N, C-alpha and C. Protein backbone atom coordinates (compact mmCIF):
# COMPACT_ATOMS: atom_id res chain seq x y z
N MET A 1 -13.64 -35.84 3.84
CA MET A 1 -12.72 -34.95 4.53
C MET A 1 -11.39 -35.67 4.67
N HIS A 2 -10.34 -34.92 4.53
CA HIS A 2 -9.01 -35.50 4.69
C HIS A 2 -8.86 -36.00 6.12
N ARG A 3 -8.30 -37.19 6.27
CA ARG A 3 -8.19 -37.81 7.59
C ARG A 3 -7.42 -36.96 8.60
N ALA A 4 -6.39 -36.24 8.13
CA ALA A 4 -5.59 -35.43 9.04
C ALA A 4 -6.42 -34.34 9.70
N TYR A 5 -7.43 -33.84 9.00
CA TYR A 5 -8.29 -32.81 9.58
C TYR A 5 -9.49 -33.40 10.29
N ALA A 6 -9.99 -34.51 9.82
CA ALA A 6 -11.18 -35.11 10.42
C ALA A 6 -10.95 -35.41 11.89
N ARG A 7 -9.78 -35.87 12.25
CA ARG A 7 -9.52 -36.21 13.66
C ARG A 7 -9.40 -34.98 14.55
N LYS A 8 -9.18 -33.80 13.96
CA LYS A 8 -9.04 -32.57 14.74
C LYS A 8 -10.37 -31.89 15.02
N LEU A 9 -11.38 -32.22 14.25
CA LEU A 9 -12.66 -31.55 14.39
C LEU A 9 -13.49 -32.17 15.50
N PRO A 10 -14.25 -31.34 16.17
CA PRO A 10 -15.11 -31.87 17.24
C PRO A 10 -16.18 -32.78 16.65
N LYS A 11 -16.62 -33.72 17.43
CA LYS A 11 -17.66 -34.66 17.01
C LYS A 11 -19.02 -34.03 17.28
N VAL A 12 -19.42 -33.14 16.40
CA VAL A 12 -20.69 -32.44 16.51
C VAL A 12 -21.39 -32.52 15.16
N PRO A 13 -22.68 -32.23 15.14
CA PRO A 13 -23.41 -32.32 13.87
C PRO A 13 -22.92 -31.33 12.81
N GLU A 14 -22.35 -30.19 13.23
CA GLU A 14 -21.88 -29.19 12.28
C GLU A 14 -20.36 -29.16 12.31
N ALA A 15 -19.75 -29.20 11.15
CA ALA A 15 -18.30 -29.12 11.06
C ALA A 15 -17.92 -28.50 9.72
N ALA A 16 -16.83 -27.73 9.70
CA ALA A 16 -16.34 -27.15 8.46
C ALA A 16 -15.56 -28.21 7.71
N VAL A 17 -15.82 -28.32 6.44
CA VAL A 17 -15.11 -29.31 5.62
C VAL A 17 -14.82 -28.70 4.25
N TRP A 18 -13.84 -29.28 3.57
CA TRP A 18 -13.59 -28.93 2.18
C TRP A 18 -14.53 -29.79 1.35
N VAL A 19 -15.22 -29.16 0.44
CA VAL A 19 -16.21 -29.88 -0.35
C VAL A 19 -16.00 -29.56 -1.82
N THR A 20 -16.20 -30.55 -2.64
CA THR A 20 -16.25 -30.29 -4.07
C THR A 20 -17.61 -30.73 -4.55
N GLU A 21 -18.11 -30.03 -5.52
CA GLU A 21 -19.43 -30.33 -6.02
C GLU A 21 -19.44 -30.04 -7.51
N GLN A 22 -20.13 -30.86 -8.24
CA GLN A 22 -20.27 -30.58 -9.65
C GLN A 22 -21.27 -29.45 -9.79
N ASP A 23 -20.88 -28.43 -10.49
CA ASP A 23 -21.73 -27.27 -10.67
C ASP A 23 -22.26 -27.27 -12.09
N ARG A 24 -23.52 -26.91 -12.24
CA ARG A 24 -24.10 -26.86 -13.58
C ARG A 24 -23.66 -25.62 -14.34
N GLY A 25 -23.03 -24.68 -13.63
CA GLY A 25 -22.52 -23.49 -14.28
C GLY A 25 -21.27 -23.82 -15.08
N GLN A 26 -20.72 -22.81 -15.65
CA GLN A 26 -19.54 -22.99 -16.49
C GLN A 26 -18.32 -22.38 -15.81
N THR A 27 -17.20 -22.98 -16.08
CA THR A 27 -15.95 -22.37 -15.64
C THR A 27 -15.58 -21.31 -16.66
N LEU A 28 -14.85 -20.34 -16.22
CA LEU A 28 -14.33 -19.34 -17.13
C LEU A 28 -13.17 -19.96 -17.90
N PRO A 29 -12.87 -19.44 -19.07
CA PRO A 29 -11.69 -19.93 -19.77
C PRO A 29 -10.46 -19.75 -18.89
N ARG A 30 -9.54 -20.67 -18.93
CA ARG A 30 -8.33 -20.57 -18.10
C ARG A 30 -7.46 -19.39 -18.53
N ASN A 31 -7.49 -19.07 -19.77
CA ASN A 31 -6.72 -17.96 -20.29
C ASN A 31 -7.35 -16.66 -19.83
N LEU A 32 -6.60 -15.83 -19.12
CA LEU A 32 -7.13 -14.59 -18.57
C LEU A 32 -7.65 -13.67 -19.67
N GLU A 33 -6.98 -13.63 -20.78
CA GLU A 33 -7.43 -12.76 -21.87
C GLU A 33 -8.81 -13.17 -22.37
N GLN A 34 -9.05 -14.47 -22.47
CA GLN A 34 -10.36 -14.95 -22.92
C GLN A 34 -11.44 -14.72 -21.86
N ALA A 35 -11.05 -14.73 -20.61
CA ALA A 35 -12.01 -14.55 -19.52
C ALA A 35 -12.23 -13.07 -19.18
N SER A 36 -11.43 -12.21 -19.75
CA SER A 36 -11.46 -10.79 -19.39
C SER A 36 -12.83 -10.14 -19.53
N ASP A 37 -13.54 -10.44 -20.60
CA ASP A 37 -14.86 -9.82 -20.81
C ASP A 37 -15.81 -10.17 -19.68
N PHE A 38 -15.82 -11.42 -19.27
CA PHE A 38 -16.69 -11.84 -18.16
C PHE A 38 -16.30 -11.10 -16.88
N LEU A 39 -15.01 -11.05 -16.63
CA LEU A 39 -14.53 -10.43 -15.39
C LEU A 39 -14.82 -8.93 -15.36
N ARG A 40 -14.59 -8.24 -16.44
CA ARG A 40 -14.83 -6.79 -16.47
C ARG A 40 -16.30 -6.45 -16.22
N ARG A 41 -17.21 -7.33 -16.61
CA ARG A 41 -18.64 -7.07 -16.44
C ARG A 41 -19.16 -7.52 -15.08
N TRP A 42 -18.38 -8.28 -14.34
CA TRP A 42 -18.84 -8.83 -13.07
C TRP A 42 -18.94 -7.72 -12.02
N LYS A 43 -20.11 -7.57 -11.43
CA LYS A 43 -20.36 -6.47 -10.49
C LYS A 43 -19.57 -6.60 -9.19
N SER A 44 -19.11 -7.78 -8.85
CA SER A 44 -18.39 -7.98 -7.58
C SER A 44 -16.88 -8.12 -7.76
N LEU A 45 -16.37 -7.77 -8.92
CA LEU A 45 -14.94 -7.91 -9.16
C LEU A 45 -14.12 -7.06 -8.19
N SER A 46 -14.56 -5.83 -7.93
CA SER A 46 -13.82 -4.97 -6.99
C SER A 46 -13.75 -5.60 -5.60
N ASP A 47 -14.85 -6.21 -5.17
CA ASP A 47 -14.88 -6.87 -3.86
C ASP A 47 -13.89 -8.03 -3.82
N LEU A 48 -13.85 -8.81 -4.90
CA LEU A 48 -12.93 -9.96 -4.93
C LEU A 48 -11.48 -9.50 -4.90
N ILE A 49 -11.16 -8.49 -5.68
CA ILE A 49 -9.78 -7.99 -5.70
C ILE A 49 -9.37 -7.50 -4.30
N ALA A 50 -10.24 -6.76 -3.65
CA ALA A 50 -9.94 -6.27 -2.30
C ALA A 50 -9.81 -7.43 -1.31
N PHE A 51 -10.73 -8.40 -1.39
CA PHE A 51 -10.70 -9.54 -0.47
C PHE A 51 -9.44 -10.37 -0.67
N ASP A 52 -9.14 -10.72 -1.91
CA ASP A 52 -7.94 -11.52 -2.18
C ASP A 52 -6.68 -10.82 -1.70
N THR A 53 -6.65 -9.50 -1.85
CA THR A 53 -5.48 -8.74 -1.40
C THR A 53 -5.41 -8.74 0.12
N TRP A 54 -6.56 -8.62 0.77
CA TRP A 54 -6.60 -8.67 2.24
C TRP A 54 -6.01 -9.98 2.74
N ILE A 55 -6.51 -11.11 2.26
CA ILE A 55 -6.06 -12.40 2.79
C ILE A 55 -4.78 -12.89 2.11
N GLN A 56 -4.28 -12.11 1.18
CA GLN A 56 -3.09 -12.42 0.40
C GLN A 56 -3.23 -13.78 -0.29
N ASN A 57 -4.31 -13.90 -1.07
CA ASN A 57 -4.55 -15.11 -1.86
C ASN A 57 -3.54 -15.13 -3.00
N ALA A 58 -2.64 -16.08 -2.95
CA ALA A 58 -1.53 -16.12 -3.91
C ALA A 58 -1.86 -16.87 -5.19
N GLU A 59 -3.10 -17.34 -5.33
CA GLU A 59 -3.38 -18.16 -6.51
C GLU A 59 -4.70 -17.81 -7.20
N ARG A 60 -5.09 -16.58 -7.18
CA ARG A 60 -6.35 -16.24 -7.87
C ARG A 60 -6.11 -16.23 -9.37
N SER A 61 -6.99 -16.90 -10.07
CA SER A 61 -6.96 -16.91 -11.52
C SER A 61 -8.38 -17.12 -12.02
N ALA A 62 -8.57 -16.94 -13.30
CA ALA A 62 -9.89 -17.15 -13.89
C ALA A 62 -10.34 -18.60 -13.73
N SER A 63 -9.41 -19.51 -13.56
CA SER A 63 -9.79 -20.92 -13.43
C SER A 63 -10.38 -21.26 -12.07
N ASN A 64 -10.27 -20.35 -11.09
CA ASN A 64 -10.94 -20.64 -9.83
C ASN A 64 -12.09 -19.68 -9.56
N LEU A 65 -12.81 -19.43 -10.66
CA LEU A 65 -14.10 -18.73 -10.61
C LEU A 65 -15.09 -19.56 -11.42
N LEU A 66 -16.29 -19.68 -10.91
CA LEU A 66 -17.36 -20.37 -11.63
C LEU A 66 -18.43 -19.38 -12.01
N ARG A 67 -18.92 -19.49 -13.23
CA ARG A 67 -19.94 -18.57 -13.74
C ARG A 67 -21.30 -19.23 -13.61
N ARG A 68 -22.21 -18.54 -12.95
CA ARG A 68 -23.59 -19.03 -12.80
C ARG A 68 -24.43 -18.59 -13.99
N ARG A 69 -25.57 -19.22 -14.12
CA ARG A 69 -26.48 -18.88 -15.24
C ARG A 69 -26.95 -17.44 -15.19
N ASN A 70 -27.08 -16.88 -13.99
CA ASN A 70 -27.57 -15.51 -13.86
C ASN A 70 -26.48 -14.47 -14.16
N GLY A 71 -25.30 -14.92 -14.55
CA GLY A 71 -24.21 -14.01 -14.87
C GLY A 71 -23.29 -13.71 -13.72
N ASP A 72 -23.68 -14.12 -12.51
CA ASP A 72 -22.83 -13.90 -11.35
C ASP A 72 -21.72 -14.96 -11.34
N MET A 73 -20.75 -14.77 -10.48
CA MET A 73 -19.66 -15.73 -10.37
C MET A 73 -19.45 -16.09 -8.91
N VAL A 74 -18.85 -17.24 -8.73
CA VAL A 74 -18.53 -17.76 -7.40
C VAL A 74 -17.02 -17.98 -7.36
N SER A 75 -16.37 -17.44 -6.33
CA SER A 75 -14.94 -17.68 -6.19
C SER A 75 -14.72 -18.96 -5.40
N ILE A 76 -13.79 -19.74 -5.85
CA ILE A 76 -13.44 -20.99 -5.18
C ILE A 76 -11.93 -21.01 -4.96
N ASP A 77 -11.48 -21.96 -4.23
CA ASP A 77 -10.05 -22.21 -4.04
C ASP A 77 -9.35 -21.07 -3.32
N HIS A 78 -9.53 -21.04 -2.01
CA HIS A 78 -8.85 -20.05 -1.17
C HIS A 78 -7.71 -20.71 -0.38
N GLY A 79 -7.18 -21.81 -0.89
CA GLY A 79 -6.15 -22.57 -0.19
C GLY A 79 -4.81 -21.89 -0.09
N HIS A 80 -4.55 -20.90 -0.93
CA HIS A 80 -3.26 -20.23 -0.90
C HIS A 80 -3.32 -18.89 -0.17
N LEU A 81 -4.12 -18.83 0.89
CA LEU A 81 -4.18 -17.60 1.66
C LEU A 81 -2.87 -17.40 2.40
N ALA A 82 -2.64 -16.19 2.80
CA ALA A 82 -1.41 -15.81 3.51
C ALA A 82 -0.17 -15.99 2.65
N GLY A 83 -0.37 -15.99 1.33
CA GLY A 83 0.76 -16.03 0.41
C GLY A 83 1.22 -17.39 -0.04
N SER A 84 0.69 -18.46 0.57
CA SER A 84 1.15 -19.80 0.20
C SER A 84 0.22 -20.85 0.78
N VAL A 85 0.19 -22.00 0.15
CA VAL A 85 -0.57 -23.11 0.70
C VAL A 85 0.15 -23.69 1.92
N ARG A 86 1.44 -23.47 2.00
CA ARG A 86 2.25 -24.01 3.10
C ARG A 86 2.92 -22.89 3.90
N TRP A 87 2.12 -21.93 4.31
CA TRP A 87 2.69 -20.83 5.07
C TRP A 87 3.10 -21.30 6.46
N THR A 88 4.04 -20.61 7.04
CA THR A 88 4.41 -20.81 8.44
C THR A 88 4.45 -19.42 9.07
N ALA A 89 4.38 -19.38 10.39
CA ALA A 89 4.32 -18.09 11.09
C ALA A 89 5.47 -17.18 10.70
N ASP A 90 6.67 -17.73 10.54
CA ASP A 90 7.83 -16.90 10.24
C ASP A 90 7.84 -16.40 8.79
N LEU A 91 7.02 -16.98 7.93
CA LEU A 91 6.97 -16.54 6.54
C LEU A 91 5.85 -15.55 6.24
N LEU A 92 4.96 -15.33 7.19
CA LEU A 92 3.85 -14.39 6.96
C LEU A 92 4.39 -12.98 6.77
N GLN A 93 3.86 -12.29 5.78
CA GLN A 93 4.29 -10.93 5.47
C GLN A 93 3.08 -10.00 5.47
N PRO A 94 2.67 -9.53 6.64
CA PRO A 94 1.46 -8.71 6.70
C PRO A 94 1.58 -7.38 5.96
N ASP A 95 2.80 -6.91 5.70
CA ASP A 95 2.98 -5.63 5.01
C ASP A 95 3.22 -5.79 3.51
N ALA A 96 3.14 -7.00 3.00
CA ALA A 96 3.36 -7.22 1.56
C ALA A 96 2.25 -6.56 0.75
N ASP A 97 2.62 -6.06 -0.41
CA ASP A 97 1.67 -5.39 -1.30
C ASP A 97 1.61 -6.09 -2.66
N PRO A 98 1.17 -7.33 -2.69
CA PRO A 98 1.11 -8.00 -3.99
C PRO A 98 0.04 -7.36 -4.88
N ARG A 99 0.33 -7.29 -6.15
CA ARG A 99 -0.62 -6.72 -7.11
C ARG A 99 -1.51 -7.84 -7.62
N HIS A 100 -2.80 -7.66 -7.47
CA HIS A 100 -3.77 -8.68 -7.88
C HIS A 100 -3.71 -8.87 -9.40
N PRO A 101 -3.70 -10.12 -9.86
CA PRO A 101 -3.60 -10.35 -11.30
C PRO A 101 -4.75 -9.75 -12.11
N PHE A 102 -5.92 -9.60 -11.53
CA PHE A 102 -7.05 -9.05 -12.27
C PHE A 102 -6.95 -7.54 -12.49
N LEU A 103 -6.03 -6.87 -11.78
CA LEU A 103 -5.83 -5.45 -12.03
C LEU A 103 -5.25 -5.21 -13.41
N GLY A 104 -4.71 -6.22 -14.02
CA GLY A 104 -4.16 -6.11 -15.36
C GLY A 104 -5.22 -6.18 -16.46
N LEU A 105 -6.46 -6.35 -16.10
CA LEU A 105 -7.53 -6.45 -17.10
C LEU A 105 -7.68 -5.18 -17.93
N TRP A 106 -7.24 -4.06 -17.39
CA TRP A 106 -7.40 -2.78 -18.07
C TRP A 106 -6.06 -2.17 -18.46
N GLY A 107 -5.02 -2.94 -18.45
CA GLY A 107 -3.70 -2.38 -18.71
C GLY A 107 -3.32 -1.44 -17.59
N ASN A 108 -2.86 -0.27 -17.93
CA ASN A 108 -2.47 0.71 -16.91
C ASN A 108 -3.57 1.70 -16.58
N GLN A 109 -4.76 1.51 -17.13
CA GLN A 109 -5.87 2.45 -16.95
C GLN A 109 -7.05 1.77 -16.25
N ILE A 110 -6.93 1.53 -14.97
CA ILE A 110 -8.02 0.92 -14.20
C ILE A 110 -9.14 1.95 -14.11
N PRO A 111 -10.36 1.56 -14.48
CA PRO A 111 -11.47 2.52 -14.41
C PRO A 111 -11.68 3.05 -12.99
N GLU A 112 -12.08 4.30 -12.90
CA GLU A 112 -12.31 4.94 -11.60
C GLU A 112 -13.36 4.17 -10.79
N SER A 113 -14.39 3.64 -11.47
CA SER A 113 -15.43 2.88 -10.75
C SER A 113 -14.85 1.63 -10.09
N ILE A 114 -13.88 1.00 -10.71
CA ILE A 114 -13.23 -0.18 -10.12
C ILE A 114 -12.40 0.25 -8.92
N ASN A 115 -11.59 1.30 -9.10
CA ASN A 115 -10.79 1.81 -7.97
C ASN A 115 -11.68 2.16 -6.78
N GLN A 116 -12.78 2.86 -7.04
CA GLN A 116 -13.69 3.24 -5.95
C GLN A 116 -14.29 2.00 -5.28
N GLY A 117 -14.69 1.02 -6.08
CA GLY A 117 -15.26 -0.21 -5.52
C GLY A 117 -14.26 -0.95 -4.65
N ILE A 118 -13.02 -1.00 -5.11
CA ILE A 118 -11.96 -1.66 -4.33
C ILE A 118 -11.74 -0.92 -3.01
N MET A 119 -11.68 0.40 -3.06
CA MET A 119 -11.45 1.18 -1.85
C MET A 119 -12.61 1.05 -0.87
N GLU A 120 -13.84 1.03 -1.38
CA GLU A 120 -15.00 0.84 -0.50
C GLU A 120 -14.95 -0.53 0.17
N ALA A 121 -14.64 -1.56 -0.60
CA ALA A 121 -14.55 -2.91 -0.03
C ALA A 121 -13.44 -2.98 1.01
N ALA A 122 -12.29 -2.41 0.69
CA ALA A 122 -11.16 -2.42 1.62
C ALA A 122 -11.51 -1.70 2.92
N GLY A 123 -12.34 -0.67 2.82
CA GLY A 123 -12.77 0.06 4.01
C GLY A 123 -13.64 -0.75 4.95
N ARG A 124 -14.22 -1.82 4.47
CA ARG A 124 -15.07 -2.69 5.31
C ARG A 124 -14.30 -3.84 5.95
N HIS A 125 -13.05 -4.03 5.59
CA HIS A 125 -12.32 -5.21 6.05
C HIS A 125 -12.09 -5.23 7.56
N SER A 126 -11.76 -4.11 8.14
CA SER A 126 -11.48 -4.08 9.57
C SER A 126 -12.73 -4.51 10.36
N LYS A 127 -13.87 -3.96 10.00
CA LYS A 127 -15.12 -4.34 10.68
C LYS A 127 -15.47 -5.80 10.41
N SER A 128 -15.23 -6.25 9.19
CA SER A 128 -15.50 -7.65 8.85
C SER A 128 -14.64 -8.58 9.71
N TYR A 129 -13.37 -8.22 9.87
CA TYR A 129 -12.50 -9.04 10.71
C TYR A 129 -13.03 -9.07 12.14
N GLN A 130 -13.40 -7.92 12.68
CA GLN A 130 -13.91 -7.86 14.05
C GLN A 130 -15.13 -8.76 14.22
N GLN A 131 -16.02 -8.73 13.24
CA GLN A 131 -17.23 -9.55 13.32
C GLN A 131 -16.93 -11.04 13.21
N ALA A 132 -15.88 -11.39 12.49
CA ALA A 132 -15.56 -12.80 12.28
C ALA A 132 -14.47 -13.33 13.21
N GLU A 133 -13.89 -12.47 14.02
CA GLU A 133 -12.71 -12.85 14.80
C GLU A 133 -12.94 -14.08 15.68
N ALA A 134 -14.02 -14.14 16.39
CA ALA A 134 -14.27 -15.29 17.28
C ALA A 134 -14.36 -16.59 16.48
N GLU A 135 -15.05 -16.55 15.36
CA GLU A 135 -15.18 -17.74 14.52
C GLU A 135 -13.83 -18.13 13.90
N LEU A 136 -13.08 -17.14 13.45
CA LEU A 136 -11.76 -17.41 12.90
C LEU A 136 -10.85 -18.04 13.95
N LYS A 137 -10.91 -17.51 15.15
CA LYS A 137 -10.08 -18.05 16.23
C LYS A 137 -10.48 -19.49 16.54
N LYS A 138 -11.78 -19.75 16.59
CA LYS A 138 -12.25 -21.10 16.88
C LYS A 138 -11.69 -22.10 15.86
N TRP A 139 -11.77 -21.75 14.58
CA TRP A 139 -11.30 -22.69 13.55
C TRP A 139 -9.79 -22.75 13.48
N ALA A 140 -9.11 -21.65 13.74
CA ALA A 140 -7.65 -21.67 13.75
C ALA A 140 -7.15 -22.58 14.86
N VAL A 141 -7.75 -22.46 16.04
CA VAL A 141 -7.37 -23.32 17.17
C VAL A 141 -7.66 -24.78 16.84
N THR A 142 -8.77 -25.04 16.18
CA THR A 142 -9.16 -26.41 15.84
C THR A 142 -8.26 -27.01 14.77
N LEU A 143 -7.92 -26.24 13.76
CA LEU A 143 -7.24 -26.81 12.59
C LEU A 143 -5.73 -26.68 12.59
N LEU A 144 -5.18 -25.77 13.35
CA LEU A 144 -3.74 -25.59 13.36
C LEU A 144 -3.12 -26.32 14.54
N ASP A 145 -2.00 -26.96 14.29
CA ASP A 145 -1.33 -27.75 15.33
C ASP A 145 -0.59 -26.90 16.36
N ASP A 146 -0.15 -25.74 15.96
CA ASP A 146 0.73 -24.93 16.80
C ASP A 146 0.02 -23.65 17.24
N SER A 147 0.04 -23.38 18.54
CA SER A 147 -0.62 -22.16 19.03
C SER A 147 0.07 -20.91 18.49
N GLY A 148 1.37 -21.00 18.21
CA GLY A 148 2.07 -19.87 17.61
C GLY A 148 1.54 -19.57 16.21
N ASP A 149 1.21 -20.62 15.46
CA ASP A 149 0.63 -20.42 14.14
C ASP A 149 -0.75 -19.79 14.24
N THR A 150 -1.52 -20.20 15.24
CA THR A 150 -2.86 -19.64 15.44
C THR A 150 -2.76 -18.14 15.71
N ILE A 151 -1.89 -17.77 16.63
CA ILE A 151 -1.71 -16.36 16.96
C ILE A 151 -1.22 -15.60 15.73
N ALA A 152 -0.26 -16.17 15.01
CA ALA A 152 0.34 -15.50 13.86
C ALA A 152 -0.67 -15.25 12.74
N ILE A 153 -1.51 -16.24 12.42
CA ILE A 153 -2.45 -16.06 11.32
C ILE A 153 -3.54 -15.05 11.70
N LEU A 154 -3.97 -15.08 12.95
CA LEU A 154 -4.98 -14.11 13.39
C LEU A 154 -4.40 -12.69 13.38
N GLN A 155 -3.18 -12.53 13.84
CA GLN A 155 -2.53 -11.21 13.81
C GLN A 155 -2.32 -10.75 12.37
N PHE A 156 -1.93 -11.67 11.50
CA PHE A 156 -1.73 -11.38 10.08
C PHE A 156 -3.03 -10.85 9.46
N LEU A 157 -4.13 -11.58 9.66
CA LEU A 157 -5.40 -11.19 9.07
C LEU A 157 -5.91 -9.86 9.64
N LYS A 158 -5.72 -9.67 10.94
CA LYS A 158 -6.15 -8.41 11.56
C LYS A 158 -5.35 -7.23 11.03
N LYS A 159 -4.05 -7.37 11.00
CA LYS A 159 -3.21 -6.26 10.50
C LYS A 159 -3.55 -5.93 9.06
N ARG A 160 -3.71 -6.97 8.24
CA ARG A 160 -4.03 -6.73 6.83
C ARG A 160 -5.42 -6.09 6.69
N ALA A 161 -6.35 -6.48 7.54
CA ALA A 161 -7.69 -5.86 7.51
C ALA A 161 -7.60 -4.39 7.91
N ASP A 162 -6.88 -4.13 8.99
CA ASP A 162 -6.76 -2.76 9.48
C ASP A 162 -6.03 -1.85 8.49
N ASP A 163 -5.09 -2.40 7.74
CA ASP A 163 -4.28 -1.63 6.79
C ASP A 163 -4.79 -1.74 5.35
N SER A 164 -5.94 -2.34 5.17
CA SER A 164 -6.41 -2.66 3.83
C SER A 164 -6.54 -1.44 2.91
N GLN A 165 -7.13 -0.37 3.39
CA GLN A 165 -7.29 0.81 2.53
C GLN A 165 -5.95 1.42 2.15
N ASP A 166 -5.05 1.54 3.11
CA ASP A 166 -3.73 2.09 2.80
C ASP A 166 -2.99 1.22 1.79
N ARG A 167 -3.09 -0.09 1.97
CA ARG A 167 -2.44 -1.02 1.04
C ARG A 167 -3.00 -0.84 -0.37
N MET A 168 -4.32 -0.77 -0.48
CA MET A 168 -4.93 -0.64 -1.80
C MET A 168 -4.57 0.70 -2.43
N LYS A 169 -4.45 1.76 -1.63
CA LYS A 169 -4.00 3.05 -2.18
C LYS A 169 -2.61 2.92 -2.82
N ARG A 170 -1.72 2.22 -2.10
CA ARG A 170 -0.37 2.04 -2.65
C ARG A 170 -0.41 1.22 -3.93
N ILE A 171 -1.13 0.11 -3.89
CA ILE A 171 -1.18 -0.78 -5.05
C ILE A 171 -1.81 -0.09 -6.25
N LEU A 172 -2.88 0.65 -6.00
CA LEU A 172 -3.60 1.32 -7.09
C LEU A 172 -2.98 2.67 -7.46
N ARG A 173 -1.99 3.09 -6.66
CA ARG A 173 -1.30 4.38 -6.87
C ARG A 173 -2.29 5.54 -6.82
N LEU A 174 -3.11 5.52 -5.78
CA LEU A 174 -4.08 6.59 -5.56
C LEU A 174 -3.51 7.58 -4.56
N LEU A 175 -3.81 8.84 -4.74
CA LEU A 175 -3.32 9.88 -3.83
C LEU A 175 -4.19 9.99 -2.60
N ILE A 176 -5.49 9.81 -2.77
CA ILE A 176 -6.41 9.99 -1.65
C ILE A 176 -6.97 8.66 -1.22
């Protein structure tokens, strides 16, 4: 664990840490075009697109997905949440509508099943935030130096969760 964070964590048997592990699975090709076939077939792609858009993950790429032997994938590297690895409260943009890079997998014709999956996932974000709010607050208070930053990131995540379906409608250019 990085020393700057280790000193902030409580001295208890359980603690959140950044971990790296060698995985026996394979990484996807870094080139999005080469990875496209894997991504298009992945059953949880709609969930990932909705989640990344909710937390405003600014660095999603095929290189931060790992492919398991069973064909499933694991997303890694969520360090650029809130639009940047070095966000500050005054830079948070809860109303931003960034277009997820994986939406380009189909050109301008995103399949209806993908749109529906994204909208269904986005519809669960508000409840997911409510269920995780206490835990998020605990870790924000523990890991962030400034109480203003803690309040700002929690408000950012809540607003984006509450507005998730409307945001995805705009991004996907859906009428309903």
